[in-house]
Amino acid sequence: MATLLGRSHDRAALIAKDLASVRMRVFENIADTQLPALAERYALDHAERDRMATWVDGARPFMAGNQAWHLTAAR
């Protein structure tokens, strides 16, 4: 990333951390706000909402792990 951005290694690491944090906030907004609104808009039934919630619940640990790696990995 440092080469791609033309930045120092340390600066590129900070940018990567910021991008990972933004990605997590966007995911949480979609999961907590936008998906429920879409479920209402399209009148999803209980089973469809459960399947959607199951997928989101499965994606949360992946997103959190990705963010944790970006925040803690030595570069």
Protein backbone atom coordinates (compact mmCIF):
# COMPACT_ATOMS: atom_id res chain seq x y z
CA MET A 1 0.00 0.00 0.00
CA ALA A 2 2.89 2.35 0.69
CA THR A 3 4.07 2.02 -2.90
CA LEU A 4 0.53 2.36 -4.28
CA LEU A 5 -0.12 5.54 -2.28
CA GLY A 6 3.39 6.93 -2.52
CA ARG A 7 3.53 7.22 1.27
CA SER A 8 5.86 6.03 3.98
CA HIS A 9 5.31 2.57 5.38
CA ASP A 10 4.04 3.97 8.69
CA ARG A 11 1.65 6.41 6.99
CA ALA A 12 0.31 3.68 4.70
CA ALA A 13 -0.33 1.45 7.76
CA LEU A 14 -2.35 4.25 9.38
CA ILE A 15 -4.36 4.71 6.18
CA ALA A 16 -5.06 0.96 6.04
CA LYS A 17 -6.25 1.03 9.67
CA ASP A 18 -8.54 3.97 8.92
CA LEU A 19 -9.97 2.23 5.86
CA ALA A 20 -10.68 -0.92 7.88
CA SER A 21 -12.44 1.12 10.57
CA VAL A 22 -14.58 2.92 7.99
CA ARG A 23 -15.44 -0.40 6.34
CA MET A 24 -16.61 -1.74 9.72
CA ARG A 25 -18.77 1.32 10.39
CA VAL A 26 -20.34 1.06 6.93
CA PHE A 27 -21.07 -2.65 7.50
CA GLU A 28 -22.67 -1.93 10.88
CA ASN A 29 -24.82 0.83 9.38
CA ILE A 30 -26.01 -1.46 6.61
CA ALA A 31 -26.68 -4.33 9.02
CA ASP A 32 -28.38 -2.27 11.72
CA THR A 33 -30.23 0.37 9.71
CA GLN A 34 -30.46 -0.28 6.00
CA LEU A 35 -31.24 -4.00 5.98
CA PRO A 36 -34.16 -3.72 8.43
CA ALA A 37 -35.55 -0.86 6.33
CA LEU A 38 -35.26 -2.96 3.19
CA ALA A 39 -36.94 -5.88 4.94
CA GLU A 40 -39.86 -3.60 5.71
CA ARG A 41 -39.93 -2.08 2.23
CA TYR A 42 -40.06 -5.48 0.56
CA ALA A 43 -42.33 -6.99 3.21
CA LEU A 44 -39.99 -9.88 3.96
CA ASP A 45 -41.64 -12.56 6.03
CA HIS A 46 -40.29 -13.86 9.32
CA ALA A 47 -38.33 -16.72 7.72
CA GLU A 48 -36.69 -14.37 5.20
CA ARG A 49 -35.74 -11.92 7.95
CA ASP A 50 -34.32 -14.78 10.01
CA ARG A 51 -32.17 -15.93 7.08
CA MET A 52 -30.94 -12.39 6.56
CA ALA A 53 -30.14 -12.02 10.25
CA THR A 54 -28.30 -15.35 10.25
CA TRP A 55 -26.12 -14.21 7.35
CA VAL A 56 -25.39 -10.85 9.02
CA ASP A 57 -24.59 -12.57 12.32
CA GLY A 58 -22.16 -14.83 10.47
CA ALA A 59 -20.52 -11.88 8.70
CA ARG A 60 -20.00 -9.84 11.89
CA PRO A 61 -17.12 -11.96 13.28
CA PHE A 62 -15.43 -11.93 9.86
CA MET A 63 -15.67 -8.13 9.66
CA ALA A 64 -14.53 -7.71 13.26
CA GLY A 65 -11.59 -10.07 12.71
CA ASN A 66 -10.58 -8.21 9.58
CA GLN A 67 -10.68 -4.91 11.45
CA ALA A 68 -8.74 -6.35 14.40
CA TRP A 69 -6.04 -7.63 12.06
CA HIS A 70 -5.67 -4.21 10.43
CA LEU A 71 -5.53 -2.50 13.82
CA THR A 72 -2.95 -4.83 15.36
CA ALA A 73 -0.87 -6.45 12.63
CA ALA A 74 2.74 -5.43 12.47
CA ARG A 75 3.69 -4.15 9.08
